[in-house]
Amino acid sequence: MLGFSESYAVVIRARRRRPHPRHWQALAKLVGVIATIKEVVGVVFANRERAQS
């Protein structure tokens, strides 16, 4: 469906990598999240800023 390998999916689930933003909307649909790309990007940048503080 998304086009990643099973091994890459395992790495994402283990939180060692973050999926590319082009996959976020499809991933959100898989888990039943309804959000715009703008909202998702805003959350990612907020989390990144917190992590750097």
N, C-alpha and C. Protein backbone atom coordinates (compact mmCIF):
# COMPACT_ATOMS: atom_id res chain seq x y z
N MET A 1 0.82 -1.20 0.00
CA MET A 1 0.00 0.00 0.00
C MET A 1 0.86 1.26 0.00
N LEU A 2 1.82 1.35 0.91
CA LEU A 2 2.65 2.56 0.99
C LEU A 2 3.93 2.43 0.19
N GLY A 3 4.32 1.22 -0.06
CA GLY A 3 5.52 1.02 -0.87
C GLY A 3 6.81 0.87 -0.08
N PHE A 4 6.73 0.74 1.27
CA PHE A 4 7.98 0.45 1.93
C PHE A 4 8.10 -1.03 2.19
N SER A 5 9.37 -1.41 2.38
CA SER A 5 9.64 -2.82 2.66
C SER A 5 9.22 -3.14 4.09
N GLU A 6 9.06 -4.43 4.34
CA GLU A 6 8.69 -4.85 5.69
C GLU A 6 9.78 -4.48 6.69
N SER A 7 11.04 -4.57 6.28
CA SER A 7 12.13 -4.23 7.20
C SER A 7 12.13 -2.73 7.54
N TYR A 8 11.79 -1.89 6.57
CA TYR A 8 11.70 -0.45 6.85
C TYR A 8 10.53 -0.16 7.78
N ALA A 9 9.41 -0.87 7.60
CA ALA A 9 8.27 -0.70 8.50
C ALA A 9 8.64 -1.08 9.93
N VAL A 10 9.44 -2.12 10.10
CA VAL A 10 9.89 -2.53 11.43
C VAL A 10 10.73 -1.43 12.07
N VAL A 11 11.59 -0.82 11.29
CA VAL A 11 12.45 0.27 11.80
C VAL A 11 11.59 1.47 12.21
N ILE A 12 10.57 1.78 11.43
CA ILE A 12 9.67 2.89 11.77
C ILE A 12 8.91 2.57 13.06
N ARG A 13 8.38 1.34 13.16
CA ARG A 13 7.65 0.96 14.38
C ARG A 13 8.53 1.01 15.61
N ALA A 14 9.80 0.72 15.44
CA ALA A 14 10.74 0.76 16.57
C ALA A 14 11.19 2.19 16.88
N ARG A 15 10.70 3.14 16.12
CA ARG A 15 11.00 4.57 16.30
C ARG A 15 12.47 4.91 16.07
N ARG A 16 13.13 4.11 15.25
CA ARG A 16 14.51 4.42 14.89
C ARG A 16 14.58 5.33 13.67
N ARG A 17 13.50 5.39 12.90
CA ARG A 17 13.39 6.27 11.73
C ARG A 17 11.99 6.84 11.69
N ARG A 18 11.84 7.98 11.04
CA ARG A 18 10.54 8.60 10.83
C ARG A 18 10.21 8.46 9.34
N PRO A 19 8.98 8.05 9.01
CA PRO A 19 8.64 7.93 7.59
C PRO A 19 8.69 9.29 6.90
N HIS A 20 8.95 9.27 5.62
CA HIS A 20 9.00 10.50 4.84
C HIS A 20 7.63 11.17 4.88
N PRO A 21 7.60 12.51 4.93
CA PRO A 21 6.31 13.22 4.98
C PRO A 21 5.32 12.85 3.88
N ARG A 22 5.81 12.40 2.74
CA ARG A 22 4.87 12.04 1.66
C ARG A 22 3.99 10.85 2.06
N HIS A 23 4.38 10.10 3.09
CA HIS A 23 3.60 8.95 3.53
C HIS A 23 2.67 9.26 4.70
N TRP A 24 2.79 10.43 5.30
CA TRP A 24 2.05 10.73 6.52
C TRP A 24 0.55 10.65 6.35
N GLN A 25 0.02 11.19 5.27
CA GLN A 25 -1.43 11.18 5.09
C GLN A 25 -1.95 9.74 4.97
N ALA A 26 -1.27 8.91 4.21
CA ALA A 26 -1.69 7.51 4.07
C ALA A 26 -1.59 6.77 5.40
N LEU A 27 -0.53 7.04 6.16
CA LEU A 27 -0.38 6.41 7.47
C LEU A 27 -1.50 6.86 8.42
N ALA A 28 -1.83 8.13 8.36
CA ALA A 28 -2.92 8.66 9.20
C ALA A 28 -4.24 7.95 8.88
N LYS A 29 -4.49 7.74 7.60
CA LYS A 29 -5.72 7.03 7.21
C LYS A 29 -5.73 5.60 7.75
N LEU A 30 -4.56 4.95 7.74
CA LEU A 30 -4.48 3.58 8.23
C LEU A 30 -4.87 3.47 9.70
N VAL A 31 -4.53 4.49 10.48
CA VAL A 31 -4.83 4.43 11.92
C VAL A 31 -6.07 5.23 12.30
N GLY A 32 -6.75 5.78 11.29
CA GLY A 32 -8.01 6.48 11.56
C GLY A 32 -7.85 7.90 12.03
N VAL A 33 -6.73 8.53 11.75
CA VAL A 33 -6.52 9.92 12.14
C VAL A 33 -6.93 10.80 10.98
N ILE A 34 -7.71 11.82 11.27
CA ILE A 34 -8.09 12.78 10.23
C ILE A 34 -7.39 14.09 10.56
N ALA A 35 -6.42 14.44 9.76
CA ALA A 35 -5.67 15.67 9.96
C ALA A 35 -5.16 16.16 8.62
N THR A 36 -4.98 17.46 8.52
CA THR A 36 -4.41 18.00 7.30
C THR A 36 -2.89 17.89 7.39
N ILE A 37 -2.25 17.92 6.26
CA ILE A 37 -0.79 17.88 6.23
C ILE A 37 -0.22 19.06 7.02
N LYS A 38 -0.83 20.23 6.92
CA LYS A 38 -0.35 21.40 7.64
C LYS A 38 -0.36 21.15 9.15
N GLU A 39 -1.40 20.51 9.66
CA GLU A 39 -1.47 20.19 11.09
C GLU A 39 -0.38 19.20 11.49
N VAL A 40 -0.16 18.19 10.68
CA VAL A 40 0.84 17.17 10.98
C VAL A 40 2.23 17.79 10.98
N VAL A 41 2.53 18.60 9.98
CA VAL A 41 3.84 19.24 9.90
C VAL A 41 4.06 20.15 11.10
N GLY A 42 3.03 20.86 11.52
CA GLY A 42 3.13 21.72 12.70
C GLY A 42 3.49 20.94 13.95
N VAL A 43 2.90 19.78 14.12
CA VAL A 43 3.20 18.93 15.29
C VAL A 43 4.64 18.43 15.22
N VAL A 44 5.08 18.01 14.05
CA VAL A 44 6.45 17.51 13.91
C VAL A 44 7.45 18.59 14.25
N PHE A 45 7.25 19.80 13.75
CA PHE A 45 8.20 20.88 14.04
C PHE A 45 8.16 21.28 15.51
N ALA A 46 6.99 21.25 16.12
CA ALA A 46 6.89 21.56 17.56
C ALA A 46 7.66 20.52 18.37
N ASN A 47 7.52 19.25 18.02
CA ASN A 47 8.24 18.19 18.73
C ASN A 47 9.75 18.32 18.53
N ARG A 48 10.15 18.68 17.34
CA ARG A 48 11.58 18.84 17.04
C ARG A 48 12.17 19.97 17.88
N GLU A 49 11.43 21.08 17.99
CA GLU A 49 11.92 22.22 18.78
C GLU A 49 12.04 21.84 20.26
N ARG A 50 11.06 21.08 20.77
CA ARG A 50 11.12 20.64 22.16
C ARG A 50 12.32 19.73 22.40
N ALA A 51 12.60 18.87 21.46
CA ALA A 51 13.71 17.93 21.60
C ALA A 51 15.06 18.64 21.59
N GLN A 52 15.14 19.76 20.89
CA GLN A 52 16.39 20.50 20.80
C GLN A 52 16.61 21.42 22.00
N SER A 53 15.56 21.68 22.77
CA SER A 53 15.68 22.58 23.94
C SER A 53 16.33 21.90 25.10
